[in-house]
PDB file of N, CA and C in Angstrom:
ATOM      1  N   MET A   1      95.412  24.405 106.295  1.00  0.00           N
ATOM      2  CA  MET A   1      94.059  24.267 106.727  1.00  0.00           C
ATOM      3  C   MET A   1      93.493  22.937 106.128  1.00  0.00           C
ATOM      4  N   THR A   2      92.840  22.203 106.915  1.00  0.00           N
ATOM      5  CA  THR A   2      92.259  20.954 106.412  1.00  0.00           C
ATOM      6  C   THR A   2      90.757  21.029 106.478  1.00  0.00           C
ATOM      7  N   PRO A   3      90.094  20.285 105.626  1.00  0.00           N
ATOM      8  CA  PRO A   3      88.620  20.325 105.637  1.00  0.00           C
ATOM      9  C   PRO A   3      88.068  19.852 106.945  1.00  0.00           C
ATOM     10  N   SER A   4      86.950  20.388 107.316  1.00  0.00           N
ATOM     11  CA  SER A   4      86.227  19.911 108.496  1.00  0.00           C
ATOM     12  C   SER A   4      85.150  18.974 108.059  1.00  0.00           C
ATOM     13  N   THR A   5      84.436  18.376 109.001  1.00  0.00           N
ATOM     14  CA  THR A   5      83.317  17.518 108.630  1.00  0.00           C
ATOM     15  C   THR A   5      82.040  18.284 108.441  1.00  0.00           C
ATOM     16  N   GLY A   6      82.051  19.595 108.698  1.00  0.00           N
ATOM     17  CA  GLY A   6      80.860  20.417 108.520  1.00  0.00           C
ATOM     18  C   GLY A   6      80.698  20.936 107.131  1.00  0.00           C
ATOM     19  N   SER A   7      79.851  21.907 106.946  1.00  0.00           N
ATOM     20  CA  SER A   7      79.525  22.417 105.621  1.00  0.00           C
ATOM     21  C   SER A   7      80.506  23.517 105.200  1.00  0.00           C
ATOM     22  N   THR A   8      81.436  23.947 106.051  1.00  0.00           N
ATOM     23  CA  THR A   8      82.373  24.989 105.713  1.00  0.00           C
ATOM     24  C   THR A   8      83.802  24.533 105.818  1.00  0.00           C
ATOM     25  N   PRO A   9      84.341  23.856 104.828  1.00  0.00           N
ATOM     26  CA  PRO A   9      85.676  23.352 104.948  1.00  0.00           C
ATOM     27  C   PRO A   9      86.774  24.402 104.976  1.00  0.00           C
ATOM     28  N   TRP A  10      86.597  25.533 104.265  1.00  0.00           N
ATOM     29  CA  TRP A  10      87.548  26.612 104.312  1.00  0.00           C
ATOM     30  C   TRP A  10      86.784  27.849 104.664  1.00  0.00           C
ATOM     31  N   PRO A  11      86.831  28.245 105.922  1.00  0.00           N
ATOM     32  CA  PRO A  11      86.056  29.411 106.319  1.00  0.00           C
ATOM     33  C   PRO A  11      86.533  30.701 105.684  1.00  0.00           C
ATOM     34  N   VAL A  12      87.799  30.783 105.224  1.00  0.00           N
ATOM     35  CA  VAL A  12      88.337  31.953 104.603  1.00  0.00           C
ATOM     36  C   VAL A  12      89.100  31.627 103.353  1.00  0.00           C
ATOM     37  N   VAL A  13      88.792  32.373 102.266  1.00  0.00           N
ATOM     38  CA  VAL A  13      89.647  32.321 101.076  1.00  0.00           C
ATOM     39  C   VAL A  13      90.253  33.681 100.916  1.00  0.00           C
ATOM     40  N   GLU A  14      91.406  33.701 100.292  1.00  0.00           N
ATOM     41  CA  GLU A  14      92.121  35.001 100.133  1.00  0.00           C
ATOM     42  C   GLU A  14      91.430  35.886  99.119  1.00  0.00           C
ATOM     43  N   SER A  15      90.927  35.337  98.038  1.00  0.00           N
ATOM     44  CA  SER A  15      90.326  36.112  96.982  1.00  0.00           C
ATOM     45  C   SER A  15      89.586  35.199  96.000  1.00  0.00           C
ATOM     46  N   THR A  16      88.731  35.823  95.191  1.00  0.00           N
ATOM     47  CA  THR A  16      88.072  35.125  94.095  1.00  0.00           C
ATOM     48  C   THR A  16      88.480  35.691  92.753  1.00  0.00           C
ATOM     49  N   GLN A  17      89.387  36.677  92.741  1.00  0.00           N
ATOM     50  CA  GLN A  17      89.722  37.416  91.560  1.00  0.00           C
ATOM     51  C   GLN A  17      91.132  37.167  91.001  1.00  0.00           C
ATOM     52  N   VAL A  18      91.937  36.428  91.733  1.00  0.00           N
ATOM     53  CA  VAL A  18      93.347  36.166  91.352  1.00  0.00           C
ATOM     54  C   VAL A  18      93.347  35.053  90.289  1.00  0.00           C
ATOM     55  N   THR A  19      93.865  35.356  89.110  1.00  0.00           N
ATOM     56  CA  THR A  19      93.785  34.353  88.021  1.00  0.00           C
ATOM     57  C   THR A  19      95.066  33.500  87.874  1.00  0.00           C
ATOM     58  N   ALA A  20      96.138  33.910  88.534  1.00  0.00           N
ATOM     59  CA  ALA A  20      97.369  33.134  88.471  1.00  0.00           C
ATOM     60  C   ALA A  20      97.765  32.704  89.867  1.00  0.00           C
ATOM     61  N   PRO A  21      98.212  31.483  90.090  1.00  0.00           N
ATOM     62  CA  PRO A  21      98.585  31.029  91.368  1.00  0.00           C
ATOM     63  C   PRO A  21      99.665  31.927  92.017  1.00  0.00           C
ATOM     64  N   PRO A  22      99.525  32.288  93.272  1.00  0.00           N
ATOM     65  CA  PRO A  22     100.558  33.078  93.932  1.00  0.00           C
ATOM     66  C   PRO A  22     101.890  32.379  93.928  1.00  0.00           C
ATOM     67  N   VAL A  23     102.986  33.162  93.857  1.00  0.00           N
ATOM     68  CA  VAL A  23     104.332  32.602  93.771  1.00  0.00           C
ATOM     69  C   VAL A  23     104.723  32.012  95.098  1.00  0.00           C
ATOM     70  N   SER A  24     104.356  32.621  96.209  1.00  0.00           N
ATOM     71  CA  SER A  24     104.810  32.153  97.552  1.00  0.00           C
ATOM     72  C   SER A  24     103.640  32.041  98.524  1.00  0.00           C
ATOM     73  N   PRO A  25     102.699  31.143  98.251  1.00  0.00           N
ATOM     74  CA  PRO A  25     101.549  31.008  99.169  1.00  0.00           C
ATOM     75  C   PRO A  25     102.007  30.401 100.496  1.00  0.00           C
ATOM     76  N   LEU A  26     101.277  30.761 101.544  1.00  0.00           N
ATOM     77  CA  LEU A  26     101.550  30.117 102.826  1.00  0.00           C
ATOM     78  C   LEU A  26     100.768  28.856 102.972  1.00  0.00           C
ATOM     79  N   PRO A  27     101.262  27.905 103.759  1.00  0.00           N
ATOM     80  CA  PRO A  27     100.551  26.659 103.940  1.00  0.00           C
ATOM     81  C   PRO A  27      99.123  26.934 104.458  1.00  0.00           C
ATOM     82  N   GLY A  28      98.129  26.319 103.856  1.00  0.00           N
ATOM     83  CA  GLY A  28      96.746  26.453 104.276  1.00  0.00           C
ATOM     84  C   GLY A  28      95.984  27.595 103.622  1.00  0.00           C
ATOM     85  N   GLU A  29      96.676  28.487 102.912  1.00  0.00           N
ATOM     86  CA  GLU A  29      95.975  29.532 102.206  1.00  0.00           C
ATOM     87  C   GLU A  29      95.162  28.980 101.045  1.00  0.00           C
ATOM     88  N   ALA A  30      94.006  29.545 100.807  1.00  0.00           N
ATOM     89  CA  ALA A  30      93.079  29.029  99.776  1.00  0.00           C
ATOM     90  C   ALA A  30      92.494  30.167  98.974  1.00  0.00           C
ATOM     91  N   TRP A  31      92.154  29.887  97.711  1.00  0.00           N
ATOM     92  CA  TRP A  31      91.568  30.876  96.781  1.00  0.00           C
ATOM     93  C   TRP A  31      90.437  30.139  96.055  1.00  0.00           C
ATOM     94  N   ILE A  32      89.417  30.879  95.671  1.00  0.00           N
ATOM     95  CA  ILE A  32      88.429  30.354  94.723  1.00  0.00           C
ATOM     96  C   ILE A  32      88.959  30.713  93.339  1.00  0.00           C
ATOM     97  N   VAL A  33      89.122  29.718  92.479  1.00  0.00           N
ATOM     98  CA  VAL A  33      89.705  29.903  91.162  1.00  0.00           C
ATOM     99  C   VAL A  33      88.660  30.502  90.232  1.00  0.00           C
ATOM    100  N   PRO A  34      88.956  31.702  89.674  1.00  0.00           N
ATOM    101  CA  PRO A  34      88.009  32.324  88.722  1.00  0.00           C
ATOM    102  C   PRO A  34      88.156  31.785  87.314  1.00  0.00           C
ATOM    103  N   SER A  35      87.179  32.042  86.474  1.00  0.00           N
ATOM    104  CA  SER A  35      87.256  31.714  85.068  1.00  0.00           C
ATOM    105  C   SER A  35      88.491  32.406  84.504  1.00  0.00           C
ATOM    106  N   GLY A  36      89.127  31.732  83.556  1.00  0.00           N
ATOM    107  CA  GLY A  36      90.278  32.354  82.898  1.00  0.00           C
ATOM    108  C   GLY A  36      91.583  32.183  83.647  1.00  0.00           C
ATOM    109  N   ALA A  37      91.589  31.345  84.694  1.00  0.00           N
ATOM    110  CA  ALA A  37      92.808  31.150  85.497  1.00  0.00           C
ATOM    111  C   ALA A  37      93.909  30.518  84.618  1.00  0.00           C
ATOM    112  N   THR A  38      95.133  30.796  85.013  1.00  0.00           N
ATOM    113  CA  THR A  38      96.295  30.310  84.298  1.00  0.00           C
ATOM    114  C   THR A  38      97.173  29.401  85.150  1.00  0.00           C
ATOM    115  N   GLY A  39      98.209  28.893  84.514  1.00  0.00           N
ATOM    116  CA  GLY A  39      99.164  28.060  85.224  1.00  0.00           C
ATOM    117  C   GLY A  39      98.549  26.819  85.874  1.00  0.00           C
ATOM    118  N   ALA A  40      98.961  26.488  87.040  1.00  0.00           N
ATOM    119  CA  ALA A  40      98.452  25.302  87.756  1.00  0.00           C
ATOM    120  C   ALA A  40      96.945  25.380  88.012  1.00  0.00           C
ATOM    121  N   TRP A  41      96.367  26.569  87.966  1.00  0.00           N
ATOM    122  CA  TRP A  41      94.923  26.728  88.235  1.00  0.00           C
ATOM    123  C   TRP A  41      94.089  26.583  86.963  1.00  0.00           C
ATOM    124  N   ALA A  42      94.667  26.532  85.782  1.00  0.00           N
ATOM    125  CA  ALA A  42      93.905  26.434  84.554  1.00  0.00           C
ATOM    126  C   ALA A  42      92.994  25.221  84.605  1.00  0.00           C
ATOM    127  N   GLY A  43      91.725  25.383  84.204  1.00  0.00           N
ATOM    128  CA  GLY A  43      90.773  24.323  84.158  1.00  0.00           C
ATOM    129  C   GLY A  43      90.139  23.981  85.479  1.00  0.00           C
ATOM    130  N   HIS A  44      90.315  24.829  86.512  1.00  0.00           N
ATOM    131  CA  HIS A  44      89.772  24.559  87.823  1.00  0.00           C
ATOM    132  C   HIS A  44      88.806  25.622  88.247  1.00  0.00           C
ATOM    133  N   SER A  45      88.057  26.275  87.341  1.00  0.00           N
ATOM    134  CA  SER A  45      87.138  27.375  87.718  1.00  0.00           C
ATOM    135  C   SER A  45      86.162  26.930  88.761  1.00  0.00           C
ATOM    136  N   ASN A  46      85.908  27.836  89.707  1.00  0.00           N
ATOM    137  CA  ASN A  46      84.977  27.691  90.848  1.00  0.00           C
ATOM    138  C   ASN A  46      85.443  26.690  91.846  1.00  0.00           C
ATOM    139  N   GLU A  47      86.559  26.033  91.663  1.00  0.00           N
ATOM    140  CA  GLU A  47      87.068  25.117  92.680  1.00  0.00           C
ATOM    141  C   GLU A  47      87.858  25.947  93.719  1.00  0.00           C
ATOM    142  N   ILE A  48      88.075  25.325  94.854  1.00  0.00           N
ATOM    143  CA  ILE A  48      88.918  25.929  95.890  1.00  0.00           C
ATOM    144  C   ILE A  48      90.298  25.371  95.710  1.00  0.00           C
ATOM    145  N   ALA A  49      91.262  26.253  95.478  1.00  0.00           N
ATOM    146  CA  ALA A  49      92.667  25.904  95.360  1.00  0.00           C
ATOM    147  C   ALA A  49      93.313  26.174  96.701  1.00  0.00           C
ATOM    148  N   ALA A  50      93.835  25.136  97.358  1.00  0.00           N
ATOM    149  CA  ALA A  50      94.450  25.299  98.658  1.00  0.00           C
ATOM    150  C   ALA A  50      95.918  24.849  98.591  1.00  0.00           C
ATOM    151  N   TRP A  51      96.839  25.594  99.136  1.00  0.00           N
ATOM    152  CA  TRP A  51      98.227  25.244  99.141  1.00  0.00           C
ATOM    153  C   TRP A  51      98.472  24.357 100.366  1.00  0.00           C
ATOM    154  N   GLN A  52      98.739  23.066 100.106  1.00  0.00           N
ATOM    155  CA  GLN A  52      98.897  22.119 101.194  1.00  0.00           C
ATOM    156  C   GLN A  52     100.081  21.231 100.896  1.00  0.00           C
ATOM    157  N   ALA A  53     100.970  21.047 101.842  1.00  0.00           N
ATOM    158  CA  ALA A  53     102.128  20.178 101.750  1.00  0.00           C
ATOM    159  C   ALA A  53     102.981  20.455 100.511  1.00  0.00           C
ATOM    160  N   GLY A  54     103.067  21.779 100.161  1.00  0.00           N
ATOM    161  CA  GLY A  54     103.918  22.214  99.095  1.00  0.00           C
ATOM    162  C   GLY A  54     103.351  22.037  97.698  1.00  0.00           C
ATOM    163  N   ALA A  55     102.041  21.807  97.604  1.00  0.00           N
ATOM    164  CA  ALA A  55     101.402  21.644  96.300  1.00  0.00           C
ATOM    165  C   ALA A  55     100.014  22.170  96.306  1.00  0.00           C
ATOM    166  N   TRP A  56      99.471  22.441  95.137  1.00  0.00           N
ATOM    167  CA  TRP A  56      98.060  22.917  95.026  1.00  0.00           C
ATOM    168  C   TRP A  56      97.164  21.701  95.086  1.00  0.00           C
ATOM    169  N   MET A  57      96.164  21.810  95.940  1.00  0.00           N
ATOM    170  CA  MET A  57      95.115  20.778  96.080  1.00  0.00           C
ATOM    171  C   MET A  57      93.824  21.479  95.636  1.00  0.00           C
ATOM    172  N   PHE A  58      93.035  20.804  94.796  1.00  0.00           N
ATOM    173  CA  PHE A  58      91.802  21.391  94.235  1.00  0.00           C
ATOM    174  C   PHE A  58      90.609  20.639  94.783  1.00  0.00           C
ATOM    175  N   HIS A  59      89.598  21.415  95.212  1.00  0.00           N
ATOM    176  CA  HIS A  59      88.421  20.773  95.829  1.00  0.00           C
ATOM    177  C   HIS A  59      87.186  21.324  95.145  1.00  0.00           C
ATOM    178  N   ASP A  60      86.388  20.402  94.625  1.00  0.00           N
ATOM    179  CA  ASP A  60      85.100  20.813  94.017  1.00  0.00           C
ATOM    180  C   ASP A  60      84.115  21.134  95.181  1.00  0.00           C
ATOM    181  N   PRO A  61      83.579  22.354  95.144  1.00  0.00           N
ATOM    182  CA  PRO A  61      82.640  22.698  96.263  1.00  0.00           C
ATOM    183  C   PRO A  61      81.318  21.994  96.095  1.00  0.00           C
ATOM    184  N   ALA A  62      80.669  21.748  97.217  1.00  0.00           N
ATOM    185  CA  ALA A  62      79.339  21.184  97.231  1.00  0.00           C
ATOM    186  C   ALA A  62      78.378  22.322  97.485  1.00  0.00           C
ATOM    187  N   GLU A  63      77.182  22.154  96.958  1.00  0.00           N
ATOM    188  CA  GLU A  63      76.157  23.211  97.147  1.00  0.00           C
ATOM    189  C   GLU A  63      75.978  23.456  98.620  1.00  0.00           C
ATOM    190  N   GLY A  64      75.975  24.723  98.982  1.00  0.00           N
ATOM    191  CA  GLY A  64      75.801  25.160 100.369  1.00  0.00           C
ATOM    192  C   GLY A  64      77.094  25.483 101.095  1.00  0.00           C
ATOM    193  N   TRP A  65      78.287  25.135 100.496  1.00  0.00           N
ATOM    194  CA  TRP A  65      79.514  25.532 101.142  1.00  0.00           C
ATOM    195  C   TRP A  65      79.568  27.043 101.265  1.00  0.00           C
ATOM    196  N   GLN A  66      80.112  27.490 102.393  1.00  0.00           N
ATOM    197  CA  GLN A  66      80.241  28.929 102.656  1.00  0.00           C
ATOM    198  C   GLN A  66      81.694  29.281 102.951  1.00  0.00           C
ATOM    199  N   VAL A  67      82.135  30.398 102.380  1.00  0.00           N
ATOM    200  CA  VAL A  67      83.465  30.918 102.714  1.00  0.00           C
ATOM    201  C   VAL A  67      83.386  32.435 102.821  1.00  0.00           C
ATOM    202  N   PHE A  68      84.357  32.952 103.566  1.00  0.00           N
ATOM    203  CA  PHE A  68      84.528  34.397 103.623  1.00  0.00           C
ATOM    204  C   PHE A  68      85.642  34.811 102.712  1.00  0.00           C
ATOM    205  N   ASP A  69      85.339  35.683 101.755  1.00  0.00           N
ATOM    206  CA  ASP A  69      86.329  36.228 100.820  1.00  0.00           C
ATOM    207  C   ASP A  69      87.030  37.373 101.503  1.00  0.00           C
ATOM    208  N   ARG A  70      88.285  37.157 101.913  1.00  0.00           N
ATOM    209  CA  ARG A  70      89.034  38.165 102.638  1.00  0.00           C
ATOM    210  C   ARG A  70      89.216  39.434 101.819  1.00  0.00           C
ATOM    211  N   ALA A  71      89.481  39.346 100.516  1.00  0.00           N
ATOM    212  CA  ALA A  71      89.791  40.504  99.650  1.00  0.00           C
ATOM    213  C   ALA A  71      88.544  41.427  99.564  1.00  0.00           C
ATOM    214  N   SER A  72      87.373  40.852  99.419  1.00  0.00           N
ATOM    215  CA  SER A  72      86.180  41.693  99.246  1.00  0.00           C
ATOM    216  C   SER A  72      85.388  41.898 100.511  1.00  0.00           C
ATOM    217  N   GLY A  73      85.722  41.133 101.567  1.00  0.00           N
ATOM    218  CA  GLY A  73      84.974  41.220 102.821  1.00  0.00           C
ATOM    219  C   GLY A  73      83.542  40.695 102.715  1.00  0.00           C
ATOM    220  N   THR A  74      83.384  39.691 101.826  1.00  0.00           N
ATOM    221  CA  THR A  74      82.022  39.159 101.534  1.00  0.00           C
ATOM    222  C   THR A  74      81.941  37.668 101.915  1.00  0.00           C
ATOM    223  N   LEU A  75      80.788  37.309 102.466  1.00  0.00           N
ATOM    224  CA  LEU A  75      80.463  35.890 102.675  1.00  0.00           C
ATOM    225  C   LEU A  75      79.897  35.355 101.385  1.00  0.00           C
ATOM    226  N   LEU A  76      80.439  34.241 100.896  1.00  0.00           N
ATOM    227  CA  LEU A  76      80.021  33.604  99.654  1.00  0.00           C
ATOM    228  C   LEU A  76      79.473  32.240  99.966  1.00  0.00           C
ATOM    229  N   VAL A  77      78.443  31.856  99.167  1.00  0.00           N
ATOM    230  CA  VAL A  77      77.825  30.536  99.274  1.00  0.00           C
ATOM    231  C   VAL A  77      77.852  29.923  97.849  1.00  0.00           C
ATOM    232  N   PHE A  78      78.254  28.605  97.800  1.00  0.00           N
ATOM    233  CA  PHE A  78      78.217  27.952  96.531  1.00  0.00           C
ATOM    234  C   PHE A  78      76.824  27.456  96.236  1.00  0.00           C
ATOM    235  N   ALA A  79      76.239  27.938  95.133  1.00  0.00           N
ATOM    236  CA  ALA A  79      74.834  27.705  94.801  1.00  0.00           C
ATOM    237  C   ALA A  79      74.687  26.579  93.762  1.00  0.00           C
ATOM    238  N   GLY A  80      75.686  25.755  93.666  1.00  0.00           N
ATOM    239  CA  GLY A  80      75.583  24.606  92.794  1.00  0.00           C
ATOM    240  C   GLY A  80      76.335  24.792  91.495  1.00  0.00           C
ATOM    241  N   THR A  81      76.373  25.999  90.967  1.00  0.00           N
ATOM    242  CA  THR A  81      77.141  26.246  89.760  1.00  0.00           C
ATOM    243  C   THR A  81      78.045  27.502  89.881  1.00  0.00           C
ATOM    244  N   ASP A  82      77.851  28.317  90.893  1.00  0.00           N
ATOM    245  CA  ASP A  82      78.623  29.521  91.076  1.00  0.00           C
ATOM    246  C   ASP A  82      78.641  29.922  92.502  1.00  0.00           C
ATOM    247  N   TRP A  83      79.631  30.758  92.890  1.00  0.00           N
ATOM    248  CA  TRP A  83      79.670  31.347  94.226  1.00  0.00           C
ATOM    249  C   TRP A  83      78.898  32.638  94.217  1.00  0.00           C
ATOM    250  N   VAL A  84      77.985  32.825  95.187  1.00  0.00           N
ATOM    251  CA  VAL A  84      77.107  34.033  95.242  1.00  0.00           C
ATOM    252  C   VAL A  84      77.245  34.652  96.619  1.00  0.00           C
ATOM    253  N   ALA A  85      77.072  35.967  96.660  1.00  0.00           N
ATOM    254  CA  ALA A  85      77.146  36.754  97.882  1.00  0.00           C
ATOM    255  C   ALA A  85      75.770  36.715  98.560  1.00  0.00           C
TER     256      ALA A  85
END
């Protein structure tokens, strides 16, 4: 999945609660990295981690970005410092 030019570059993330990078992510899958993340995600809290071209790409969200959290079934908005429902 690639970013769009609008305010919602990743319309769906897999989860906001997974603290370790998945072993076999599919191309384009994305997660919001929670506090306390480990491995390749360490130090990337609140960023969107997307598996692209065989590597993790990290994206700092801008205020107002919206994503749907597939695991919780919740629409989230980045409020500048945190993701809120």
